[in-house]
Amino acid sequence: MNWLKVFIAAFFEVFWVIGLKHAYDFWTWTGTIIAIIISFYLMIMAGKKLPVGTVYAVFVGMGTVGTVLSEIIFFSEPIKISKMLLVFLLLCGVIGLKLVTNEKETNREENA
């Protein structure tokens, strides 16, 4: 459940990062601020139960991948092979961190 919070937080991160670039009036800035609040709230809640370093790395990595893909899909950003390879490498690192984070170890630290 806590990892789901991280993934939802990263989803909202994409919206606020795009909002920082493309917001232009009261409503788009309001949406951007709401996305920031939701994103950081979920990340902070997940960080209380999971290793903070891993949570932050997954949050930023997934947000970066989502933002790059959104810029390509919705804002006609040119696709560069070098950029896509680096995003893929980042995604591999994020998945690797998630896989090596031991849930039992995290729960043990909570109970200590």
PDB file of N, CA and C in Angstrom:
ATOM      1  N   MET A   1       0.819  -1.196   0.000  1.00  0.00           N
ATOM      2  CA  MET A   1       0.000   0.000   0.000  1.00  0.00           C
ATOM      3  C   MET A   1       0.865   1.264   0.000  1.00  0.00           C
ATOM      4  N   ASN A   2       1.985   1.231   0.728  1.00  0.00           N
ATOM      5  CA  ASN A   2       2.862   2.405   0.779  1.00  0.00           C
ATOM      6  C   ASN A   2       3.536   2.677  -0.556  1.00  0.00           C
ATOM      7  N   TRP A   3       3.874   1.603  -1.300  1.00  0.00           N
ATOM      8  CA  TRP A   3       4.460   1.821  -2.619  1.00  0.00           C
ATOM      9  C   TRP A   3       3.427   2.415  -3.572  1.00  0.00           C
ATOM     10  N   LEU A   4       2.177   2.071  -3.391  1.00  0.00           N
ATOM     11  CA  LEU A   4       1.117   2.669  -4.207  1.00  0.00           C
ATOM     12  C   LEU A   4       1.068   4.180  -3.969  1.00  0.00           C
ATOM     13  N   LYS A   5       1.270   4.605  -2.724  1.00  0.00           N
ATOM     14  CA  LYS A   5       1.316   6.034  -2.420  1.00  0.00           C
ATOM     15  C   LYS A   5       2.455   6.717  -3.168  1.00  0.00           C
ATOM     16  N   VAL A   6       3.597   6.046  -3.248  1.00  0.00           N
ATOM     17  CA  VAL A   6       4.741   6.611  -3.961  1.00  0.00           C
ATOM     18  C   VAL A   6       4.413   6.766  -5.446  1.00  0.00           C
ATOM     19  N   PHE A   7       3.804   5.748  -6.037  1.00  0.00           N
ATOM     20  CA  PHE A   7       3.484   5.806  -7.464  1.00  0.00           C
ATOM     21  C   PHE A   7       2.427   6.874  -7.760  1.00  0.00           C
ATOM     22  N   ILE A   8       1.439   7.009  -6.894  1.00  0.00           N
ATOM     23  CA  ILE A   8       0.419   8.061  -7.074  1.00  0.00           C
ATOM     24  C   ILE A   8       1.059   9.434  -6.885  1.00  0.00           C
ATOM     25  N   ALA A   9       1.961   9.543  -5.921  1.00  0.00           N
ATOM     26  CA  ALA A   9       2.674  10.811  -5.708  1.00  0.00           C
ATOM     27  C   ALA A   9       3.478  11.184  -6.952  1.00  0.00           C
ATOM     28  N   ALA A  10       4.135  10.217  -7.563  1.00  0.00           N
ATOM     29  CA  ALA A  10       4.904  10.469  -8.785  1.00  0.00           C
ATOM     30  C   ALA A  10       3.979  10.876  -9.930  1.00  0.00           C
ATOM     31  N   PHE A  11       2.795  10.281  -9.985  1.00  0.00           N
ATOM     32  CA  PHE A  11       1.809  10.641 -11.004  1.00  0.00           C
ATOM     33  C   PHE A  11       1.433  12.115 -10.875  1.00  0.00           C
ATOM     34  N   PHE A  12       1.174  12.562  -9.643  1.00  0.00           N
ATOM     35  CA  PHE A  12       0.838  13.967  -9.423  1.00  0.00           C
ATOM     36  C   PHE A  12       2.049  14.874  -9.635  1.00  0.00           C
ATOM     37  N   GLU A  13       3.251  14.338  -9.424  1.00  0.00           N
ATOM     38  CA  GLU A  13       4.457  15.125  -9.678  1.00  0.00           C
ATOM     39  C   GLU A  13       4.528  15.543 -11.143  1.00  0.00           C
ATOM     40  N   VAL A  14       4.144  14.646 -12.027  1.00  0.00           N
ATOM     41  CA  VAL A  14       4.148  14.967 -13.458  1.00  0.00           C
ATOM     42  C   VAL A  14       3.273  16.193 -13.720  1.00  0.00           C
ATOM     43  N   PHE A  15       2.102  16.242 -13.096  1.00  0.00           N
ATOM     44  CA  PHE A  15       1.191  17.370 -13.303  1.00  0.00           C
ATOM     45  C   PHE A  15       1.759  18.682 -12.780  1.00  0.00           C
ATOM     46  N   TRP A  16       2.363  18.649 -11.590  1.00  0.00           N
ATOM     47  CA  TRP A  16       2.857  19.926 -11.075  1.00  0.00           C
ATOM     48  C   TRP A  16       4.108  20.388 -11.787  1.00  0.00           C
ATOM     49  N   VAL A  17       4.947  19.461 -12.243  1.00  0.00           N
ATOM     50  CA  VAL A  17       6.133  19.872 -13.000  1.00  0.00           C
ATOM     51  C   VAL A  17       5.713  20.504 -14.326  1.00  0.00           C
ATOM     52  N   ILE A  18       4.773  19.882 -15.004  1.00  0.00           N
ATOM     53  CA  ILE A  18       4.258  20.459 -16.247  1.00  0.00           C
ATOM     54  C   ILE A  18       3.559  21.783 -15.953  1.00  0.00           C
ATOM     55  N   GLY A  19       2.830  21.833 -14.850  1.00  0.00           N
ATOM     56  CA  GLY A  19       2.153  23.068 -14.458  1.00  0.00           C
ATOM     57  C   GLY A  19       3.118  24.214 -14.213  1.00  0.00           C
ATOM     58  N   LEU A  20       4.290  23.929 -13.649  1.00  0.00           N
ATOM     59  CA  LEU A  20       5.262  24.992 -13.417  1.00  0.00           C
ATOM     60  C   LEU A  20       5.698  25.642 -14.729  1.00  0.00           C
ATOM     61  N   LYS A  21       5.715  24.871 -15.797  1.00  0.00           N
ATOM     62  CA  LYS A  21       6.122  25.411 -17.094  1.00  0.00           C
ATOM     63  C   LYS A  21       4.952  26.028 -17.857  1.00  0.00           C
ATOM     64  N   HIS A  22       3.777  25.421 -17.765  1.00  0.00           N
ATOM     65  CA  HIS A  22       2.683  25.793 -18.652  1.00  0.00           C
ATOM     66  C   HIS A  22       1.522  26.526 -17.978  1.00  0.00           C
ATOM     67  N   ALA A  23       1.533  26.697 -16.660  1.00  0.00           N
ATOM     68  CA  ALA A  23       0.430  27.408 -15.994  1.00  0.00           C
ATOM     69  C   ALA A  23       0.451  28.876 -16.403  1.00  0.00           C
ATOM     70  N   TYR A  24      -0.740  29.422 -16.625  1.00  0.00           N
ATOM     71  CA  TYR A  24      -0.810  30.795 -17.128  1.00  0.00           C
ATOM     72  C   TYR A  24      -1.912  31.635 -16.481  1.00  0.00           C
ATOM     73  N   ASP A  25      -2.820  31.041 -15.704  1.00  0.00           N
ATOM     74  CA  ASP A  25      -3.867  31.824 -15.065  1.00  0.00           C
ATOM     75  C   ASP A  25      -4.169  31.254 -13.676  1.00  0.00           C
ATOM     76  N   PHE A  26      -5.135  31.818 -13.010  1.00  0.00           N
ATOM     77  CA  PHE A  26      -5.477  31.412 -11.645  1.00  0.00           C
ATOM     78  C   PHE A  26      -5.778  29.920 -11.551  1.00  0.00           C
ATOM     79  N   TRP A  27      -6.570  29.385 -12.466  1.00  0.00           N
ATOM     80  CA  TRP A  27      -7.009  27.988 -12.383  1.00  0.00           C
ATOM     81  C   TRP A  27      -5.877  27.012 -12.650  1.00  0.00           C
ATOM     82  N   THR A  28      -5.026  27.313 -13.629  1.00  0.00           N
ATOM     83  CA  THR A  28      -3.919  26.388 -13.898  1.00  0.00           C
ATOM     84  C   THR A  28      -2.891  26.433 -12.765  1.00  0.00           C
ATOM     85  N   TRP A  29      -2.683  27.621 -12.162  1.00  0.00           N
ATOM     86  CA  TRP A  29      -1.788  27.699 -11.008  1.00  0.00           C
ATOM     87  C   TRP A  29      -2.397  27.011  -9.792  1.00  0.00           C
ATOM     88  N   THR A  30      -3.716  27.117  -9.630  1.00  0.00           N
ATOM     89  CA  THR A  30      -4.390  26.434  -8.522  1.00  0.00           C
ATOM     90  C   THR A  30      -4.241  24.920  -8.670  1.00  0.00           C
ATOM     91  N   GLY A  31      -4.431  24.405  -9.876  1.00  0.00           N
ATOM     92  CA  GLY A  31      -4.248  22.972 -10.132  1.00  0.00           C
ATOM     93  C   GLY A  31      -2.829  22.525  -9.863  1.00  0.00           C
ATOM     94  N   THR A  32      -1.873  23.353 -10.241  1.00  0.00           N
ATOM     95  CA  THR A  32      -0.464  23.036 -10.004  1.00  0.00           C
ATOM     96  C   THR A  32      -0.182  22.950  -8.505  1.00  0.00           C
ATOM     97  N   ILE A  33      -0.695  23.898  -7.742  1.00  0.00           N
ATOM     98  CA  ILE A  33      -0.476  23.910  -6.291  1.00  0.00           C
ATOM     99  C   ILE A  33      -1.148  22.709  -5.621  1.00  0.00           C
ATOM    100  N   ILE A  34      -2.344  22.369  -6.064  1.00  0.00           N
ATOM    101  CA  ILE A  34      -3.032  21.195  -5.512  1.00  0.00           C
ATOM    102  C   ILE A  34      -2.239  19.927  -5.810  1.00  0.00           C
ATOM    103  N   ALA A  35      -1.707  19.823  -7.028  1.00  0.00           N
ATOM    104  CA  ALA A  35      -0.896  18.651  -7.389  1.00  0.00           C
ATOM    105  C   ALA A  35       0.357  18.570  -6.529  1.00  0.00           C
ATOM    106  N   ILE A  36       0.977  19.716  -6.238  1.00  0.00           N
ATOM    107  CA  ILE A  36       2.160  19.731  -5.362  1.00  0.00           C
ATOM    108  C   ILE A  36       1.795  19.215  -3.970  1.00  0.00           C
ATOM    109  N   ILE A  37       0.696  19.699  -3.436  1.00  0.00           N
ATOM    110  CA  ILE A  37       0.274  19.302  -2.086  1.00  0.00           C
ATOM    111  C   ILE A  37      -0.009  17.802  -2.019  1.00  0.00           C
ATOM    112  N   ILE A  38      -0.781  17.293  -2.981  1.00  0.00           N
ATOM    113  CA  ILE A  38      -1.104  15.857  -3.000  1.00  0.00           C
ATOM    114  C   ILE A  38       0.165  15.030  -3.155  1.00  0.00           C
ATOM    115  N   SER A  39       1.010  15.430  -4.082  1.00  0.00           N
ATOM    116  CA  SER A  39       2.233  14.687  -4.376  1.00  0.00           C
ATOM    117  C   SER A  39       3.136  14.580  -3.148  1.00  0.00           C
ATOM    118  N   PHE A  40       3.418  15.715  -2.525  1.00  0.00           N
ATOM    119  CA  PHE A  40       4.316  15.689  -1.374  1.00  0.00           C
ATOM    120  C   PHE A  40       3.680  15.039  -0.154  1.00  0.00           C
ATOM    121  N   TYR A  41       2.389  15.199   0.030  1.00  0.00           N
ATOM    122  CA  TYR A  41       1.714  14.541   1.153  1.00  0.00           C
ATOM    123  C   TYR A  41       1.858  13.022   1.045  1.00  0.00           C
ATOM    124  N   LEU A  42       1.569  12.481  -0.136  1.00  0.00           N
ATOM    125  CA  LEU A  42       1.664  11.030  -0.323  1.00  0.00           C
ATOM    126  C   LEU A  42       3.100  10.541  -0.170  1.00  0.00           C
ATOM    127  N   MET A  43       4.056  11.310  -0.702  1.00  0.00           N
ATOM    128  CA  MET A  43       5.451  10.898  -0.582  1.00  0.00           C
ATOM    129  C   MET A  43       5.890  10.914   0.886  1.00  0.00           C
ATOM    130  N   ILE A  44       5.491  11.922   1.633  1.00  0.00           N
ATOM    131  CA  ILE A  44       5.853  12.007   3.052  1.00  0.00           C
ATOM    132  C   ILE A  44       5.221  10.862   3.834  1.00  0.00           C
ATOM    133  N   MET A  45       3.958  10.548   3.561  1.00  0.00           N
ATOM    134  CA  MET A  45       3.285   9.439   4.254  1.00  0.00           C
ATOM    135  C   MET A  45       3.973   8.107   3.949  1.00  0.00           C
ATOM    136  N   ALA A  46       4.358   7.895   2.701  1.00  0.00           N
ATOM    137  CA  ALA A  46       5.058   6.657   2.347  1.00  0.00           C
ATOM    138  C   ALA A  46       6.433   6.613   3.010  1.00  0.00           C
ATOM    139  N   GLY A  47       7.095   7.761   3.113  1.00  0.00           N
ATOM    140  CA  GLY A  47       8.421   7.829   3.728  1.00  0.00           C
ATOM    141  C   GLY A  47       8.420   7.516   5.209  1.00  0.00           C
ATOM    142  N   LYS A  48       7.262   7.592   5.847  1.00  0.00           N
ATOM    143  CA  LYS A  48       7.169   7.231   7.266  1.00  0.00           C
ATOM    144  C   LYS A  48       7.241   5.717   7.470  1.00  0.00           C
ATOM    145  N   LYS A  49       6.901   4.959   6.420  1.00  0.00           N
ATOM    146  CA  LYS A  49       6.877   3.497   6.548  1.00  0.00           C
ATOM    147  C   LYS A  49       7.969   2.805   5.736  1.00  0.00           C
ATOM    148  N   LEU A  50       8.514   3.488   4.735  1.00  0.00           N
ATOM    149  CA  LEU A  50       9.515   2.904   3.846  1.00  0.00           C
ATOM    150  C   LEU A  50      10.815   3.700   3.955  1.00  0.00           C
ATOM    151  N   PRO A  51      11.932   3.137   3.489  1.00  0.00           N
ATOM    152  CA  PRO A  51      13.195   3.875   3.518  1.00  0.00           C
ATOM    153  C   PRO A  51      13.091   5.164   2.694  1.00  0.00           C
ATOM    154  N   VAL A  52      13.399   6.279   3.323  1.00  0.00           N
ATOM    155  CA  VAL A  52      13.193   7.589   2.711  1.00  0.00           C
ATOM    156  C   VAL A  52      14.025   7.751   1.435  1.00  0.00           C
ATOM    157  N   GLY A  53      15.254   7.295   1.447  1.00  0.00           N
ATOM    158  CA  GLY A  53      16.110   7.420   0.261  1.00  0.00           C
ATOM    159  C   GLY A  53      15.532   6.702  -0.943  1.00  0.00           C
ATOM    160  N   THR A  54      15.036   5.517  -0.736  1.00  0.00           N
ATOM    161  CA  THR A  54      14.441   4.751  -1.824  1.00  0.00           C
ATOM    162  C   THR A  54      13.136   5.388  -2.273  1.00  0.00           C
ATOM    163  N   VAL A  55      12.320   5.828  -1.323  1.00  0.00           N
ATOM    164  CA  VAL A  55      11.053   6.486  -1.669  1.00  0.00           C
ATOM    165  C   VAL A  55      11.324   7.712  -2.532  1.00  0.00           C
ATOM    166  N   TYR A  56      12.277   8.526  -2.127  1.00  0.00           N
ATOM    167  CA  TYR A  56      12.569   9.740  -2.868  1.00  0.00           C
ATOM    168  C   TYR A  56      13.116   9.420  -4.265  1.00  0.00           C
ATOM    169  N   ALA A  57      14.006   8.438  -4.352  1.00  0.00           N
ATOM    170  CA  ALA A  57      14.570   8.066  -5.653  1.00  0.00           C
ATOM    171  C   ALA A  57      13.488   7.551  -6.595  1.00  0.00           C
ATOM    172  N   VAL A  58      12.592   6.715  -6.097  1.00  0.00           N
ATOM    173  CA  VAL A  58      11.494   6.194  -6.923  1.00  0.00           C
ATOM    174  C   VAL A  58      10.557   7.326  -7.318  1.00  0.00           C
ATOM    175  N   PHE A  59      10.231   8.193  -6.376  1.00  0.00           N
ATOM    176  CA  PHE A  59       9.356   9.338  -6.629  1.00  0.00           C
ATOM    177  C   PHE A  59       9.922  10.225  -7.740  1.00  0.00           C
ATOM    178  N   VAL A  60      11.172  10.622  -7.611  1.00  0.00           N
ATOM    179  CA  VAL A  60      11.783  11.511  -8.593  1.00  0.00           C
ATOM    180  C   VAL A  60      11.987  10.796  -9.928  1.00  0.00           C
ATOM    181  N   GLY A  61      12.421   9.546  -9.877  1.00  0.00           N
ATOM    182  CA  GLY A  61      12.642   8.798 -11.113  1.00  0.00           C
ATOM    183  C   GLY A  61      11.367   8.600 -11.916  1.00  0.00           C
ATOM    184  N   MET A  62      10.321   8.162 -11.229  1.00  0.00           N
ATOM    185  CA  MET A  62       9.045   7.961 -11.933  1.00  0.00           C
ATOM    186  C   MET A  62       8.474   9.289 -12.420  1.00  0.00           C
ATOM    187  N   GLY A  63       8.616  10.329 -11.628  1.00  0.00           N
ATOM    188  CA  GLY A  63       8.153  11.649 -12.044  1.00  0.00           C
ATOM    189  C   GLY A  63       8.908  12.148 -13.267  1.00  0.00           C
ATOM    190  N   THR A  64      10.211  11.906 -13.294  1.00  0.00           N
ATOM    191  CA  THR A  64      11.025  12.322 -14.435  1.00  0.00           C
ATOM    192  C   THR A  64      10.612  11.586 -15.697  1.00  0.00           C
ATOM    193  N   VAL A  65      10.453  10.294 -15.599  1.00  0.00           N
ATOM    194  CA  VAL A  65      10.026   9.499 -16.754  1.00  0.00           C
ATOM    195  C   VAL A  65       8.660   9.983 -17.243  1.00  0.00           C
ATOM    196  N   GLY A  66       7.726  10.175 -16.320  1.00  0.00           N
ATOM    197  CA  GLY A  66       6.394  10.644 -16.692  1.00  0.00           C
ATOM    198  C   GLY A  66       6.410  12.015 -17.333  1.00  0.00           C
ATOM    199  N   THR A  67       7.240  12.902 -16.795  1.00  0.00           N
ATOM    200  CA  THR A  67       7.325  14.250 -17.342  1.00  0.00           C
ATOM    201  C   THR A  67       7.924  14.246 -18.744  1.00  0.00           C
ATOM    202  N   VAL A  68       8.990  13.496 -18.950  1.00  0.00           N
ATOM    203  CA  VAL A  68       9.612  13.418 -20.276  1.00  0.00           C
ATOM    204  C   VAL A  68       8.628  12.845 -21.293  1.00  0.00           C
ATOM    205  N   LEU A  69       7.952  11.763 -20.926  1.00  0.00           N
ATOM    206  CA  LEU A  69       6.988  11.158 -21.854  1.00  0.00           C
ATOM    207  C   LEU A  69       5.805  12.091 -22.124  1.00  0.00           C
ATOM    208  N   SER A  70       5.348  12.806 -21.097  1.00  0.00           N
ATOM    209  CA  SER A  70       4.239  13.753 -21.284  1.00  0.00           C
ATOM    210  C   SER A  70       4.634  14.892 -22.214  1.00  0.00           C
ATOM    211  N   GLU A  71       5.836  15.395 -22.051  1.00  0.00           N
ATOM    212  CA  GLU A  71       6.314  16.465 -22.927  1.00  0.00           C
ATOM    213  C   GLU A  71       6.368  15.984 -24.385  1.00  0.00           C
ATOM    214  N   ILE A  72       6.779  14.747 -24.591  1.00  0.00           N
ATOM    215  CA  ILE A  72       6.841  14.196 -25.949  1.00  0.00           C
ATOM    216  C   ILE A  72       5.435  13.993 -26.506  1.00  0.00           C
ATOM    217  N   ILE A  73       4.544  13.413 -25.715  1.00  0.00           N
ATOM    218  CA  ILE A  73       3.200  13.068 -26.196  1.00  0.00           C
ATOM    219  C   ILE A  73       2.303  14.290 -26.346  1.00  0.00           C
ATOM    220  N   PHE A  74       2.298  15.172 -25.358  1.00  0.00           N
ATOM    221  CA  PHE A  74       1.321  16.265 -25.330  1.00  0.00           C
ATOM    222  C   PHE A  74       1.857  17.617 -25.811  1.00  0.00           C
ATOM    223  N   PHE A  75       3.181  17.804 -25.788  1.00  0.00           N
ATOM    224  CA  PHE A  75       3.730  19.111 -26.113  1.00  0.00           C
ATOM    225  C   PHE A  75       4.730  19.070 -27.263  1.00  0.00           C
ATOM    226  N   SER A  76       4.709  18.006 -28.035  1.00  0.00           N
ATOM    227  CA  SER A  76       5.507  17.877 -29.267  1.00  0.00           C
ATOM    228  C   SER A  76       7.012  18.062 -29.055  1.00  0.00           C
ATOM    229  N   GLU A  77       7.498  17.650 -27.919  1.00  0.00           N
ATOM    230  CA  GLU A  77       8.941  17.658 -27.677  1.00  0.00           C
ATOM    231  C   GLU A  77       9.569  16.636 -28.625  1.00  0.00           C
ATOM    232  N   PRO A  78      10.660  16.982 -29.292  1.00  0.00           N
ATOM    233  CA  PRO A  78      11.271  16.019 -30.218  1.00  0.00           C
ATOM    234  C   PRO A  78      11.814  14.791 -29.474  1.00  0.00           C
ATOM    235  N   ILE A  79      11.681  13.656 -30.112  1.00  0.00           N
ATOM    236  CA  ILE A  79      12.189  12.403 -29.540  1.00  0.00           C
ATOM    237  C   ILE A  79      13.647  12.254 -29.950  1.00  0.00           C
ATOM    238  N   LYS A  80      14.500  12.132 -28.942  1.00  0.00           N
ATOM    239  CA  LYS A  80      15.921  11.914 -29.191  1.00  0.00           C
ATOM    240  C   LYS A  80      16.290  10.557 -28.620  1.00  0.00           C
ATOM    241  N   ILE A  81      16.998   9.771 -29.396  1.00  0.00           N
ATOM    242  CA  ILE A  81      17.400   8.433 -28.958  1.00  0.00           C
ATOM    243  C   ILE A  81      18.236   8.530 -27.677  1.00  0.00           C
ATOM    244  N   SER A  82      19.139   9.482 -27.607  1.00  0.00           N
ATOM    245  CA  SER A  82      19.984   9.613 -26.409  1.00  0.00           C
ATOM    246  C   SER A  82      19.130   9.887 -25.170  1.00  0.00           C
ATOM    247  N   LYS A  83      18.118  10.743 -25.304  1.00  0.00           N
ATOM    248  CA  LYS A  83      17.241  11.047 -24.174  1.00  0.00           C
ATOM    249  C   LYS A  83      16.452   9.809 -23.759  1.00  0.00           C
ATOM    250  N   MET A  84      15.939   9.074 -24.729  1.00  0.00           N
ATOM    251  CA  MET A  84      15.155   7.878 -24.417  1.00  0.00           C
ATOM    252  C   MET A  84      16.025   6.809 -23.749  1.00  0.00           C
ATOM    253  N   LEU A  85      17.271   6.667 -24.188  1.00  0.00           N
ATOM    254  CA  LEU A  85      18.170   5.700 -23.554  1.00  0.00           C
ATOM    255  C   LEU A  85      18.475   6.099 -22.107  1.00  0.00           C
ATOM    256  N   LEU A  86      18.676   7.382 -21.878  1.00  0.00           N
ATOM    257  CA  LEU A  86      18.942   7.841 -20.513  1.00  0.00           C
ATOM    258  C   LEU A  86      17.714   7.694 -19.618  1.00  0.00           C
ATOM    259  N   VAL A  87      16.541   7.950 -20.151  1.00  0.00           N
ATOM    260  CA  VAL A  87      15.305   7.743 -19.380  1.00  0.00           C
ATOM    261  C   VAL A  87      15.143   6.263 -19.057  1.00  0.00           C
ATOM    262  N   PHE A  88      15.442   5.399 -20.015  1.00  0.00           N
ATOM    263  CA  PHE A  88      15.377   3.954 -19.782  1.00  0.00           C
ATOM    264  C   PHE A  88      16.363   3.537 -18.691  1.00  0.00           C
ATOM    265  N   LEU A  89      17.567   4.089 -18.741  1.00  0.00           N
ATOM    266  CA  LEU A  89      18.570   3.786 -17.710  1.00  0.00           C
ATOM    267  C   LEU A  89      18.093   4.244 -16.332  1.00  0.00           C
ATOM    268  N   LEU A  90      17.508   5.435 -16.272  1.00  0.00           N
ATOM    269  CA  LEU A  90      16.947   5.947 -15.018  1.00  0.00           C
ATOM    270  C   LEU A  90      15.852   5.017 -14.498  1.00  0.00           C
ATOM    271  N   LEU A  91      14.971   4.602 -15.386  1.00  0.00           N
ATOM    272  CA  LEU A  91      13.883   3.705 -15.000  1.00  0.00           C
ATOM    273  C   LEU A  91      14.423   2.369 -14.487  1.00  0.00           C
ATOM    274  N   CYS A  92      15.473   1.860 -15.111  1.00  0.00           N
ATOM    275  CA  CYS A  92      16.098   0.616 -14.627  1.00  0.00           C
ATOM    276  C   CYS A  92      16.643   0.799 -13.211  1.00  0.00           C
ATOM    277  N   GLY A  93      17.262   1.949 -12.945  1.00  0.00           N
ATOM    278  CA  GLY A  93      17.775   2.224 -11.609  1.00  0.00           C
ATOM    279  C   GLY A  93      16.675   2.305 -10.576  1.00  0.00           C
ATOM    280  N   VAL A  94      15.576   2.946 -10.925  1.00  0.00           N
ATOM    281  CA  VAL A  94      14.436   3.068 -10.007  1.00  0.00           C
ATOM    282  C   VAL A  94      13.842   1.700  -9.709  1.00  0.00           C
ATOM    283  N   ILE A  95      13.648   0.900 -10.745  1.00  0.00           N
ATOM    284  CA  ILE A  95      13.111  -0.449 -10.547  1.00  0.00           C
ATOM    285  C   ILE A  95      14.073  -1.277  -9.702  1.00  0.00           C
ATOM    286  N   GLY A  96      15.376  -1.140  -9.955  1.00  0.00           N
ATOM    287  CA  GLY A  96      16.377  -1.859  -9.167  1.00  0.00           C
ATOM    288  C   GLY A  96      16.327  -1.480  -7.699  1.00  0.00           C
ATOM    289  N   LEU A  97      16.207  -0.189  -7.406  1.00  0.00           N
ATOM    290  CA  LEU A  97      16.098   0.238  -6.005  1.00  0.00           C
ATOM    291  C   LEU A  97      14.863  -0.343  -5.341  1.00  0.00           C
ATOM    292  N   LYS A  98      13.765  -0.341  -6.057  1.00  0.00           N
ATOM    293  CA  LYS A  98      12.522  -0.906  -5.507  1.00  0.00           C
ATOM    294  C   LYS A  98      12.699  -2.395  -5.222  1.00  0.00           C
ATOM    295  N   LEU A  99      13.348  -3.094  -6.134  1.00  0.00           N
ATOM    296  CA  LEU A  99      13.513  -4.542  -5.966  1.00  0.00           C
ATOM    297  C   LEU A  99      14.453  -4.912  -4.822  1.00  0.00           C
ATOM    298  N   VAL A 100      15.462  -4.095  -4.556  1.00  0.00           N
ATOM    299  CA  VAL A 100      16.406  -4.443  -3.487  1.00  0.00           C
ATOM    300  C   VAL A 100      15.970  -3.935  -2.122  1.00  0.00           C
ATOM    301  N   THR A 101      14.892  -3.157  -2.068  1.00  0.00           N
ATOM    302  CA  THR A 101      14.378  -2.708  -0.780  1.00  0.00           C
ATOM    303  C   THR A 101      13.586  -3.844  -0.161  1.00  0.00           C
ATOM    304  N   ASN A 102      14.041  -4.302   0.976  1.00  0.00           N
ATOM    305  CA  ASN A 102      13.453  -5.451   1.642  1.00  0.00           C
ATOM    306  C   ASN A 102      12.319  -4.989   2.562  1.00  0.00           C
ATOM    307  N   GLU A 103      11.086  -5.424   2.269  1.00  0.00           N
ATOM    308  CA  GLU A 103       9.922  -5.045   3.086  1.00  0.00           C
ATOM    309  C   GLU A 103      10.067  -5.533   4.523  1.00  0.00           C
ATOM    310  N   LYS A 104      10.597  -6.739   4.722  1.00  0.00           N
ATOM    311  CA  LYS A 104      10.743  -7.267   6.077  1.00  0.00           C
ATOM    312  C   LYS A 104      11.713  -6.420   6.882  1.00  0.00           C
ATOM    313  N   GLU A 105      12.784  -5.976   6.239  1.00  0.00           N
ATOM    314  CA  GLU A 105      13.759  -5.129   6.906  1.00  0.00           C
ATOM    315  C   GLU A 105      13.129  -3.795   7.298  1.00  0.00           C
ATOM    316  N   THR A 106      12.304  -3.250   6.429  1.00  0.00           N
ATOM    317  CA  THR A 106      11.629  -1.990   6.710  1.00  0.00           C
ATOM    318  C   THR A 106      10.692  -2.143   7.885  1.00  0.00           C
ATOM    319  N   ASN A 107       9.917  -3.223   7.918  1.00  0.00           N
ATOM    320  CA  ASN A 107       8.986  -3.452   9.027  1.00  0.00           C
ATOM    321  C   ASN A 107       9.734  -3.674  10.344  1.00  0.00           C
ATOM    322  N   ARG A 108      10.893  -4.318  10.289  1.00  0.00           N
ATOM    323  CA  ARG A 108      11.691  -4.533  11.480  1.00  0.00           C
ATOM    324  C   ARG A 108      12.176  -3.219  12.059  1.00  0.00           C
ATOM    325  N   GLU A 109      12.578  -2.287  11.182  1.00  0.00           N
ATOM    326  CA  GLU A 109      13.049  -0.985  11.634  1.00  0.00           C
ATOM    327  C   GLU A 109      11.899  -0.204  12.288  1.00  0.00           C
ATOM    328  N   GLU A 110      10.685  -0.382  11.795  1.00  0.00           N
ATOM    329  CA  GLU A 110       9.523   0.284  12.377  1.00  0.00           C
ATOM    330  C   GLU A 110       9.277  -0.173  13.797  1.00  0.00           C
ATOM    331  N   ASN A 111       9.402  -1.459  14.014  1.00  0.00           N
ATOM    332  CA  ASN A 111       9.075  -2.035  15.306  1.00  0.00           C
ATOM    333  C   ASN A 111      10.184  -1.817  16.347  1.00  0.00           C
ATOM    334  N   ALA A 112      11.357  -1.404  15.906  1.00  0.00           N
ATOM    335  CA  ALA A 112      12.488  -1.225  16.836  1.00  0.00           C
ATOM    336  C   ALA A 112      12.337   0.025  17.660  1.00  0.00           C
TER     337      ALA A 112
END
